[in-house]
PDB file of N, CA and C in Angstrom:
ATOM      1  N   MET A   1     -15.180   0.531 -18.696  1.00  0.00           N
ATOM      2  CA  MET A   1     -13.720  -0.016 -17.483  1.00  0.00           C
ATOM      3  C   MET A   1     -12.783  -0.066 -18.787  1.00  0.00           C
ATOM      4  N   GLU A   2     -11.652   0.688 -18.398  1.00  0.00           N
ATOM      5  CA  GLU A   2     -10.201   0.394 -19.601  1.00  0.00           C
ATOM      6  C   GLU A   2      -9.743  -0.953 -19.151  1.00  0.00           C
ATOM      7  N   VAL A   3      -8.889  -1.514 -20.037  1.00  0.00           N
ATOM      8  CA  VAL A   3      -8.320  -2.693 -19.724  1.00  0.00           C
ATOM      9  C   VAL A   3      -7.075  -2.180 -20.369  1.00  0.00           C
ATOM     10  N   PHE A   4      -6.056  -2.594 -19.425  1.00  0.00           N
ATOM     11  CA  PHE A   4      -4.572  -2.544 -19.242  1.00  0.00           C
ATOM     12  C   PHE A   4      -4.098  -3.492 -19.959  1.00  0.00           C
ATOM     13  N   GLN A   5      -3.021  -3.306 -20.846  1.00  0.00           N
ATOM     14  CA  GLN A   5      -2.375  -4.209 -21.550  1.00  0.00           C
ATOM     15  C   GLN A   5      -0.983  -4.557 -21.059  1.00  0.00           C
ATOM     16  N   ILE A   6      -0.491  -5.374 -20.379  1.00  0.00           N
ATOM     17  CA  ILE A   6       0.903  -5.452 -19.600  1.00  0.00           C
ATOM     18  C   ILE A   6       1.669  -6.080 -20.555  1.00  0.00           C
ATOM     19  N   ILE A   7       2.959  -5.822 -21.236  1.00  0.00           N
ATOM     20  CA  ILE A   7       3.413  -6.367 -22.135  1.00  0.00           C
ATOM     21  C   ILE A   7       4.812  -6.417 -21.132  1.00  0.00           C
ATOM     22  N   GLN A   8       4.721  -6.935 -19.705  1.00  0.00           N
ATOM     23  CA  GLN A   8       5.883  -7.501 -19.377  1.00  0.00           C
ATOM     24  C   GLN A   8       5.298  -8.438 -18.183  1.00  0.00           C
ATOM     25  N   LYS A   9       6.229  -9.334 -17.872  1.00  0.00           N
ATOM     26  CA  LYS A   9       5.924 -10.342 -16.862  1.00  0.00           C
ATOM     27  C   LYS A   9       5.941 -10.367 -15.695  1.00  0.00           C
ATOM     28  N   TYR A  10       5.528 -10.493 -14.686  1.00  0.00           N
ATOM     29  CA  TYR A  10       5.533  -9.863 -13.334  1.00  0.00           C
ATOM     30  C   TYR A  10       5.671 -11.187 -12.478  1.00  0.00           C
ATOM     31  N   CYS A  11       6.276 -11.107 -11.334  1.00  0.00           N
ATOM     32  CA  CYS A  11       6.925 -12.111 -10.153  1.00  0.00           C
ATOM     33  C   CYS A  11       6.797 -11.513  -9.008  1.00  0.00           C
ATOM     34  N   CYS A  12       6.020 -11.581  -8.122  1.00  0.00           N
ATOM     35  CA  CYS A  12       5.857 -10.953  -7.092  1.00  0.00           C
ATOM     36  C   CYS A  12       7.362 -11.372  -5.850  1.00  0.00           C
ATOM     37  N   PRO A  13       7.929 -10.532  -5.704  1.00  0.00           N
ATOM     38  CA  PRO A  13       9.339 -10.508  -4.918  1.00  0.00           C
ATOM     39  C   PRO A  13       8.996 -11.278  -3.126  1.00  0.00           C
ATOM     40  N   ASN A  14       7.672 -11.033  -2.753  1.00  0.00           N
ATOM     41  CA  ASN A  14       7.529 -11.214  -1.594  1.00  0.00           C
ATOM     42  C   ASN A  14       7.106 -12.767  -1.591  1.00  0.00           C
ATOM     43  N   CYS A  15       6.308 -13.272  -2.037  1.00  0.00           N
ATOM     44  CA  CYS A  15       5.625 -14.374  -1.991  1.00  0.00           C
ATOM     45  C   CYS A  15       6.266 -15.246  -2.920  1.00  0.00           C
ATOM     46  N   LYS A  16       6.840 -14.924  -4.255  1.00  0.00           N
ATOM     47  CA  LYS A  16       7.934 -15.716  -4.792  1.00  0.00           C
ATOM     48  C   LYS A  16       7.331 -16.523  -5.947  1.00  0.00           C
ATOM     49  N   THR A  17       5.630 -16.670  -5.594  1.00  0.00           N
ATOM     50  CA  THR A  17       5.030 -17.932  -6.664  1.00  0.00           C
ATOM     51  C   THR A  17       4.061 -17.107  -7.392  1.00  0.00           C
ATOM     52  N   ASN A  18       3.565 -16.018  -6.763  1.00  0.00           N
ATOM     53  CA  ASN A  18       2.262 -15.544  -7.872  1.00  0.00           C
ATOM     54  C   ASN A  18       3.255 -14.480  -9.292  1.00  0.00           C
ATOM     55  N   ARG A  19       2.474 -15.328 -10.281  1.00  0.00           N
ATOM     56  CA  ARG A  19       2.980 -14.587 -11.592  1.00  0.00           C
ATOM     57  C   ARG A  19       1.511 -14.469 -12.545  1.00  0.00           C
ATOM     58  N   SER A  20       0.443 -14.572 -11.974  1.00  0.00           N
ATOM     59  CA  SER A  20      -0.903 -13.958 -12.747  1.00  0.00           C
ATOM     60  C   SER A  20      -1.602 -13.523 -12.066  1.00  0.00           C
ATOM     61  N   ARG A  21      -1.935 -13.055 -10.735  1.00  0.00           N
ATOM     62  CA  ARG A  21      -2.880 -12.232 -10.405  1.00  0.00           C
ATOM     63  C   ARG A  21      -2.363 -11.018  -9.608  1.00  0.00           C
ATOM     64  N   PHE A  22      -2.365 -10.018 -10.502  1.00  0.00           N
ATOM     65  CA  PHE A  22      -2.240  -8.517  -9.864  1.00  0.00           C
ATOM     66  C   PHE A  22      -3.078  -7.599  -9.750  1.00  0.00           C
ATOM     67  N   ASN A  23      -3.303  -6.794  -8.914  1.00  0.00           N
ATOM     68  CA  ASN A  23      -3.751  -5.407  -9.293  1.00  0.00           C
ATOM     69  C   ASN A  23      -3.096  -3.970  -9.703  1.00  0.00           C
ATOM     70  N   LEU A  24      -3.470  -3.604 -10.601  1.00  0.00           N
ATOM     71  CA  LEU A  24      -2.712  -2.449 -11.025  1.00  0.00           C
ATOM     72  C   LEU A  24      -3.625  -1.060 -10.399  1.00  0.00           C
ATOM     73  N   ILE A  25      -2.971  -0.321  -9.898  1.00  0.00           N
ATOM     74  CA  ILE A  25      -3.341   0.517  -8.935  1.00  0.00           C
ATOM     75  C   ILE A  25      -2.980   1.947  -9.925  1.00  0.00           C
ATOM     76  N   GLU A  26      -3.935   2.960 -10.230  1.00  0.00           N
ATOM     77  CA  GLU A  26      -3.702   3.932 -11.057  1.00  0.00           C
ATOM     78  C   GLU A  26      -3.494   5.174  -9.992  1.00  0.00           C
ATOM     79  N   GLN A  27      -2.290   6.044 -10.395  1.00  0.00           N
ATOM     80  CA  GLN A  27      -2.135   6.956  -8.949  1.00  0.00           C
ATOM     81  C   GLN A  27      -2.429   7.984  -9.776  1.00  0.00           C
ATOM     82  N   ILE A  28      -3.499   8.880  -8.885  1.00  0.00           N
ATOM     83  CA  ILE A  28      -4.021  10.195  -9.837  1.00  0.00           C
ATOM     84  C   ILE A  28      -3.573  11.331  -8.888  1.00  0.00           C
ATOM     85  N   ALA A  29      -2.776  11.998  -8.709  1.00  0.00           N
ATOM     86  CA  ALA A  29      -2.417  13.437  -8.042  1.00  0.00           C
ATOM     87  C   ALA A  29      -3.571  14.156  -8.052  1.00  0.00           C
ATOM     88  N   ARG A  30      -3.677  15.134  -6.795  1.00  0.00           N
ATOM     89  CA  ARG A  30      -4.864  16.129  -6.717  1.00  0.00           C
ATOM     90  C   ARG A  30      -3.962  17.416  -6.056  1.00  0.00           C
ATOM     91  N   PRO A  31      -3.574  17.936  -6.840  1.00  0.00           N
ATOM     92  CA  PRO A  31      -2.943  19.343  -6.075  1.00  0.00           C
ATOM     93  C   PRO A  31      -3.745  20.214  -5.462  1.00  0.00           C
ATOM     94  N   ILE A  32      -3.788  20.301  -3.809  1.00  0.00           N
ATOM     95  CA  ILE A  32      -4.537  21.075  -3.265  1.00  0.00           C
ATOM     96  C   ILE A  32      -3.631  21.717  -2.035  1.00  0.00           C
ATOM     97  N   LYS A  33      -4.242  23.185  -1.976  1.00  0.00           N
ATOM     98  CA  LYS A  33      -3.799  23.674  -0.525  1.00  0.00           C
ATOM     99  C   LYS A  33      -4.850  23.895   0.189  1.00  0.00           C
ATOM    100  N   ILE A  34      -4.386  23.318   1.608  1.00  0.00           N
ATOM    101  CA  ILE A  34      -5.313  23.430   2.757  1.00  0.00           C
ATOM    102  C   ILE A  34      -5.006  24.343   3.846  1.00  0.00           C
ATOM    103  N   ASP A  35      -5.957  24.609   4.738  1.00  0.00           N
ATOM    104  CA  ASP A  35      -5.505  25.612   5.777  1.00  0.00           C
ATOM    105  C   ASP A  35      -4.865  24.716   6.967  1.00  0.00           C
ATOM    106  N   PRO A  36      -3.753  25.106   7.671  1.00  0.00           N
ATOM    107  CA  PRO A  36      -3.118  24.217   8.593  1.00  0.00           C
ATOM    108  C   PRO A  36      -3.834  24.159   9.830  1.00  0.00           C
ATOM    109  N   GLN A  37      -4.936  24.952  10.188  1.00  0.00           N
ATOM    110  CA  GLN A  37      -5.340  25.044  11.338  1.00  0.00           C
ATOM    111  C   GLN A  37      -6.579  24.038  11.348  1.00  0.00           C
ATOM    112  N   THR A  38      -7.243  24.257  10.540  1.00  0.00           N
ATOM    113  CA  THR A  38      -8.672  23.401  10.388  1.00  0.00           C
ATOM    114  C   THR A  38      -8.642  22.080   9.026  1.00  0.00           C
ATOM    115  N   GLY A  39      -7.654  22.288   8.223  1.00  0.00           N
ATOM    116  CA  GLY A  39      -7.692  21.128   7.182  1.00  0.00           C
ATOM    117  C   GLY A  39      -8.469  21.188   6.134  1.00  0.00           C
ATOM    118  N   GLU A  40      -9.047  22.404   6.026  1.00  0.00           N
ATOM    119  CA  GLU A  40     -10.133  22.547   4.981  1.00  0.00           C
ATOM    120  C   GLU A  40      -9.272  22.977   3.802  1.00  0.00           C
ATOM    121  N   VAL A  41      -9.884  22.230   2.703  1.00  0.00           N
ATOM    122  CA  VAL A  41      -9.379  22.807   1.490  1.00  0.00           C
ATOM    123  C   VAL A  41      -9.596  24.136   1.111  1.00  0.00           C
ATOM    124  N   ILE A  42      -8.340  24.912   0.901  1.00  0.00           N
ATOM    125  CA  ILE A  42      -8.567  26.293   0.533  1.00  0.00           C
ATOM    126  C   ILE A  42      -8.445  26.589  -1.146  1.00  0.00           C
ATOM    127  N   ASN A  43      -7.632  25.735  -1.737  1.00  0.00           N
ATOM    128  CA  ASN A  43      -7.500  25.876  -3.397  1.00  0.00           C
ATOM    129  C   ASN A  43      -7.386  24.435  -3.651  1.00  0.00           C
ATOM    130  N   ASP A  44      -8.113  24.305  -4.820  1.00  0.00           N
ATOM    131  CA  ASP A  44      -7.706  22.875  -5.550  1.00  0.00           C
ATOM    132  C   ASP A  44      -7.116  23.292  -6.767  1.00  0.00           C
ATOM    133  N   TYR A  45      -6.213  22.920  -7.168  1.00  0.00           N
ATOM    134  CA  TYR A  45      -5.609  23.340  -8.286  1.00  0.00           C
ATOM    135  C   TYR A  45      -6.000  22.682  -9.742  1.00  0.00           C
ATOM    136  N   SER A  46      -6.652  21.502  -9.445  1.00  0.00           N
ATOM    137  CA  SER A  46      -6.576  20.815 -10.578  1.00  0.00           C
ATOM    138  C   SER A  46      -7.305  21.539 -11.748  1.00  0.00           C
ATOM    139  N   THR A  47      -8.015  22.734 -11.319  1.00  0.00           N
ATOM    140  CA  THR A  47      -8.386  23.576 -12.324  1.00  0.00           C
ATOM    141  C   THR A  47      -7.659  24.595 -12.639  1.00  0.00           C
ATOM    142  N   ASP A  48      -6.959  25.153 -11.647  1.00  0.00           N
ATOM    143  CA  ASP A  48      -6.496  26.611 -11.963  1.00  0.00           C
ATOM    144  C   ASP A  48      -4.536  26.017 -12.011  1.00  0.00           C
ATOM    145  N   THR A  49      -3.977  27.205 -12.311  1.00  0.00           N
ATOM    146  CA  THR A  49      -2.356  27.092 -12.432  1.00  0.00           C
ATOM    147  C   THR A  49      -2.158  27.035 -11.000  1.00  0.00           C
ATOM    148  N   ILE A  50      -0.992  26.259 -10.954  1.00  0.00           N
ATOM    149  CA  ILE A  50      -0.321  25.849  -9.778  1.00  0.00           C
ATOM    150  C   ILE A  50       0.628  26.812  -9.516  1.00  0.00           C
ATOM    151  N   GLU A  51       0.773  27.155  -8.523  1.00  0.00           N
ATOM    152  CA  GLU A  51       1.492  28.299  -7.694  1.00  0.00           C
ATOM    153  C   GLU A  51       2.937  27.810  -8.307  1.00  0.00           C
ATOM    154  N   SER A  52       3.801  29.118  -8.418  1.00  0.00           N
ATOM    155  CA  SER A  52       5.310  28.661  -8.824  1.00  0.00           C
ATOM    156  C   SER A  52       6.227  27.957  -7.814  1.00  0.00           C
ATOM    157  N   PHE A  53       5.934  27.947  -6.603  1.00  0.00           N
ATOM    158  CA  PHE A  53       6.880  27.170  -5.881  1.00  0.00           C
ATOM    159  C   PHE A  53       6.029  25.899  -5.209  1.00  0.00           C
ATOM    160  N   TYR A  54       4.919  25.321  -5.976  1.00  0.00           N
ATOM    161  CA  TYR A  54       4.432  24.337  -5.830  1.00  0.00           C
ATOM    162  C   TYR A  54       4.985  22.829  -6.865  1.00  0.00           C
ATOM    163  N   VAL A  55       5.501  22.201  -6.034  1.00  0.00           N
ATOM    164  CA  VAL A  55       6.182  20.932  -6.859  1.00  0.00           C
ATOM    165  C   VAL A  55       5.121  19.661  -6.803  1.00  0.00           C
ATOM    166  N   THR A  56       5.010  19.464  -8.380  1.00  0.00           N
ATOM    167  CA  THR A  56       3.650  18.826  -8.853  1.00  0.00           C
ATOM    168  C   THR A  56       4.450  17.193  -8.513  1.00  0.00           C
ATOM    169  N   TYR A  57       3.077  16.297  -8.523  1.00  0.00           N
ATOM    170  CA  TYR A  57       3.575  14.675  -8.305  1.00  0.00           C
ATOM    171  C   TYR A  57       4.450  14.280  -9.677  1.00  0.00           C
ATOM    172  N   GLU A  58       5.305  13.491  -9.399  1.00  0.00           N
ATOM    173  CA  GLU A  58       5.869  13.318 -10.429  1.00  0.00           C
ATOM    174  C   GLU A  58       6.293  11.473 -10.540  1.00  0.00           C
ATOM    175  N   GLY A  59       5.919  10.966  -9.515  1.00  0.00           N
ATOM    176  CA  GLY A  59       5.891   9.631  -9.279  1.00  0.00           C
ATOM    177  C   GLY A  59       5.487   8.972 -10.535  1.00  0.00           C
ATOM    178  N   PRO A  60       5.230   7.225 -10.188  1.00  0.00           N
ATOM    179  CA  PRO A  60       4.729   6.534 -11.106  1.00  0.00           C
ATOM    180  C   PRO A  60       3.297   6.504 -11.463  1.00  0.00           C
ATOM    181  N   LYS A  61       2.708   6.480 -12.559  1.00  0.00           N
ATOM    182  CA  LYS A  61       1.405   6.594 -12.865  1.00  0.00           C
ATOM    183  C   LYS A  61       0.760   5.247 -12.304  1.00  0.00           C
ATOM    184  N   TYR A  62       1.506   3.945 -12.373  1.00  0.00           N
ATOM    185  CA  TYR A  62       0.702   2.828 -11.902  1.00  0.00           C
ATOM    186  C   TYR A  62       1.597   2.290 -10.667  1.00  0.00           C
ATOM    187  N   ARG A  63       1.145   1.405  -9.972  1.00  0.00           N
ATOM    188  CA  ARG A  63       1.623   1.029  -8.825  1.00  0.00           C
ATOM    189  C   ARG A  63       0.959  -0.664  -9.082  1.00  0.00           C
ATOM    190  N   VAL A  64       1.581  -1.850  -8.407  1.00  0.00           N
ATOM    191  CA  VAL A  64       1.306  -2.980  -8.558  1.00  0.00           C
ATOM    192  C   VAL A  64       0.837  -3.656  -7.315  1.00  0.00           C
ATOM    193  N   GLN A  65      -0.079  -4.242  -7.104  1.00  0.00           N
ATOM    194  CA  GLN A  65      -0.389  -5.069  -6.017  1.00  0.00           C
ATOM    195  C   GLN A  65      -0.278  -6.654  -6.309  1.00  0.00           C
ATOM    196  N   CYS A  66       0.458  -7.227  -5.396  1.00  0.00           N
ATOM    197  CA  CYS A  66       0.305  -8.665  -5.761  1.00  0.00           C
ATOM    198  C   CYS A  66      -1.339  -9.437  -5.161  1.00  0.00           C
ATOM    199  N   GLY A  67      -1.736 -10.054  -6.049  1.00  0.00           N
ATOM    200  CA  GLY A  67      -3.055 -10.585  -5.665  1.00  0.00           C
ATOM    201  C   GLY A  67      -3.219 -11.584  -4.717  1.00  0.00           C
ATOM    202  N   VAL A  68      -1.849 -11.822  -4.324  1.00  0.00           N
ATOM    203  CA  VAL A  68      -1.892 -13.400  -3.253  1.00  0.00           C
ATOM    204  C   VAL A  68      -1.621 -12.794  -1.961  1.00  0.00           C
ATOM    205  N   CYS A  69      -0.291 -11.869  -1.923  1.00  0.00           N
ATOM    206  CA  CYS A  69       0.286 -11.703  -0.231  1.00  0.00           C
ATOM    207  C   CYS A  69      -0.496 -10.038  -0.335  1.00  0.00           C
ATOM    208  N   GLY A  70      -0.827  -9.227  -1.172  1.00  0.00           N
ATOM    209  CA  GLY A  70      -1.185  -7.920  -1.189  1.00  0.00           C
ATOM    210  C   GLY A  70       0.184  -6.665  -0.877  1.00  0.00           C
ATOM    211  N   LEU A  71       1.541  -7.333  -1.380  1.00  0.00           N
ATOM    212  CA  LEU A  71       2.562  -6.276  -1.685  1.00  0.00           C
ATOM    213  C   LEU A  71       2.073  -5.283  -2.698  1.00  0.00           C
ATOM    214  N   ILE A  72       2.419  -4.152  -2.356  1.00  0.00           N
ATOM    215  CA  ILE A  72       2.203  -2.870  -3.299  1.00  0.00           C
ATOM    216  C   ILE A  72       3.815  -2.384  -3.587  1.00  0.00           C
ATOM    217  N   GLU A  73       4.117  -2.295  -4.574  1.00  0.00           N
ATOM    218  CA  GLU A  73       5.133  -1.653  -5.027  1.00  0.00           C
ATOM    219  C   GLU A  73       5.309  -0.928  -6.433  1.00  0.00           C
ATOM    220  N   ASN A  74       6.711  -0.601  -7.027  1.00  0.00           N
ATOM    221  CA  ASN A  74       6.554   0.087  -8.152  1.00  0.00           C
ATOM    222  C   ASN A  74       6.758  -1.131  -9.173  1.00  0.00           C
ATOM    223  N   GLU A  75       5.899  -1.073 -10.682  1.00  0.00           N
ATOM    224  CA  GLU A  75       6.055  -1.933 -11.532  1.00  0.00           C
ATOM    225  C   GLU A  75       7.164  -2.413 -11.617  1.00  0.00           C
ATOM    226  N   GLN A  76       8.410  -1.523 -11.627  1.00  0.00           N
ATOM    227  CA  GLN A  76       9.273  -2.036 -12.073  1.00  0.00           C
ATOM    228  C   GLN A  76       9.961  -3.303 -11.241  1.00  0.00           C
ATOM    229  N   THR A  77       9.707  -3.154  -9.482  1.00  0.00           N
ATOM    230  CA  THR A  77      10.159  -4.395  -8.760  1.00  0.00           C
ATOM    231  C   THR A  77       9.927  -5.757  -9.343  1.00  0.00           C
ATOM    232  N   PHE A  78       8.332  -5.930  -9.488  1.00  0.00           N
ATOM    233  CA  PHE A  78       7.883  -7.219 -10.174  1.00  0.00           C
ATOM    234  C   PHE A  78       8.537  -7.392 -11.130  1.00  0.00           C
ATOM    235  N   ILE A  79       8.757  -6.526 -12.555  1.00  0.00           N
ATOM    236  CA  ILE A  79       9.479  -6.991 -13.522  1.00  0.00           C
ATOM    237  C   ILE A  79      10.788  -7.338 -13.379  1.00  0.00           C
ATOM    238  N   LYS A  80      11.332  -6.391 -12.653  1.00  0.00           N
ATOM    239  CA  LYS A  80      13.006  -7.171 -12.138  1.00  0.00           C
ATOM    240  C   LYS A  80      13.183  -8.427 -11.385  1.00  0.00           C
ATOM    241  N   PHE A  81      11.966  -8.736 -10.706  1.00  0.00           N
ATOM    242  CA  PHE A  81      11.961 -10.138  -9.851  1.00  0.00           C
ATOM    243  C   PHE A  81      11.681 -11.271 -10.812  1.00  0.00           C
ATOM    244  N   MET A  82      11.052 -11.019 -11.788  1.00  0.00           N
ATOM    245  CA  MET A  82      10.592 -11.927 -12.989  1.00  0.00           C
ATOM    246  C   MET A  82      11.908 -12.440 -13.693  1.00  0.00           C
ATOM    247  N   GLU A  83      12.306 -11.134 -14.176  1.00  0.00           N
ATOM    248  CA  GLU A  83      13.654 -11.365 -14.920  1.00  0.00           C
ATOM    249  C   GLU A  83      14.789 -12.470 -14.198  1.00  0.00           C
ATOM    250  N   TYR A  84      14.798 -11.898 -12.878  1.00  0.00           N
ATOM    251  CA  TYR A  84      15.853 -12.572 -11.698  1.00  0.00           C
ATOM    252  C   TYR A  84      15.418 -14.083 -11.832  1.00  0.00           C
ATOM    253  N   GLN A  85      14.070 -14.239 -11.662  1.00  0.00           N
ATOM    254  CA  GLN A  85      13.690 -15.837 -11.618  1.00  0.00           C
ATOM    255  C   GLN A  85      14.221 -16.604 -12.863  1.00  0.00           C
ATOM    256  N   GLN A  86      13.806 -15.556 -13.906  1.00  0.00           N
ATOM    257  CA  GLN A  86      14.183 -16.642 -15.369  1.00  0.00           C
ATOM    258  C   GLN A  86      15.669 -16.924 -15.535  1.00  0.00           C
ATOM    259  N   ASN A  87      16.502 -16.145 -15.106  1.00  0.00           N
ATOM    260  CA  ASN A  87      18.014 -16.017 -15.200  1.00  0.00           C
ATOM    261  C   ASN A  87      18.482 -16.922 -14.062  1.00  0.00           C
ATOM    262  N   ASN A  88      18.170 -17.285 -13.179  1.00  0.00           N
ATOM    263  CA  ASN A  88      18.487 -18.487 -12.261  1.00  0.00           C
ATOM    264  C   ASN A  88      17.808 -19.654 -12.270  1.00  0.00           C
TER     265      ASN A  88
END
């Protein structure tokens, strides 16, 4: 099991109290092509070259979930709310 090292402080912008219990959700994109009628996977691009018109996933590598209220957002949302809390 890989251990993550968070170098930023978090605070949940929803429940506004949680600063210690979070789930880091690793997002792993799997590019596929499916048959529009059956939903069957026609091609799994994870081992092949992706077609030239295919847009690959460029979203965040991680998302954060509050371990108290369950809110799931980008990591920056939790970091910015903590910064806001510390400045007020």
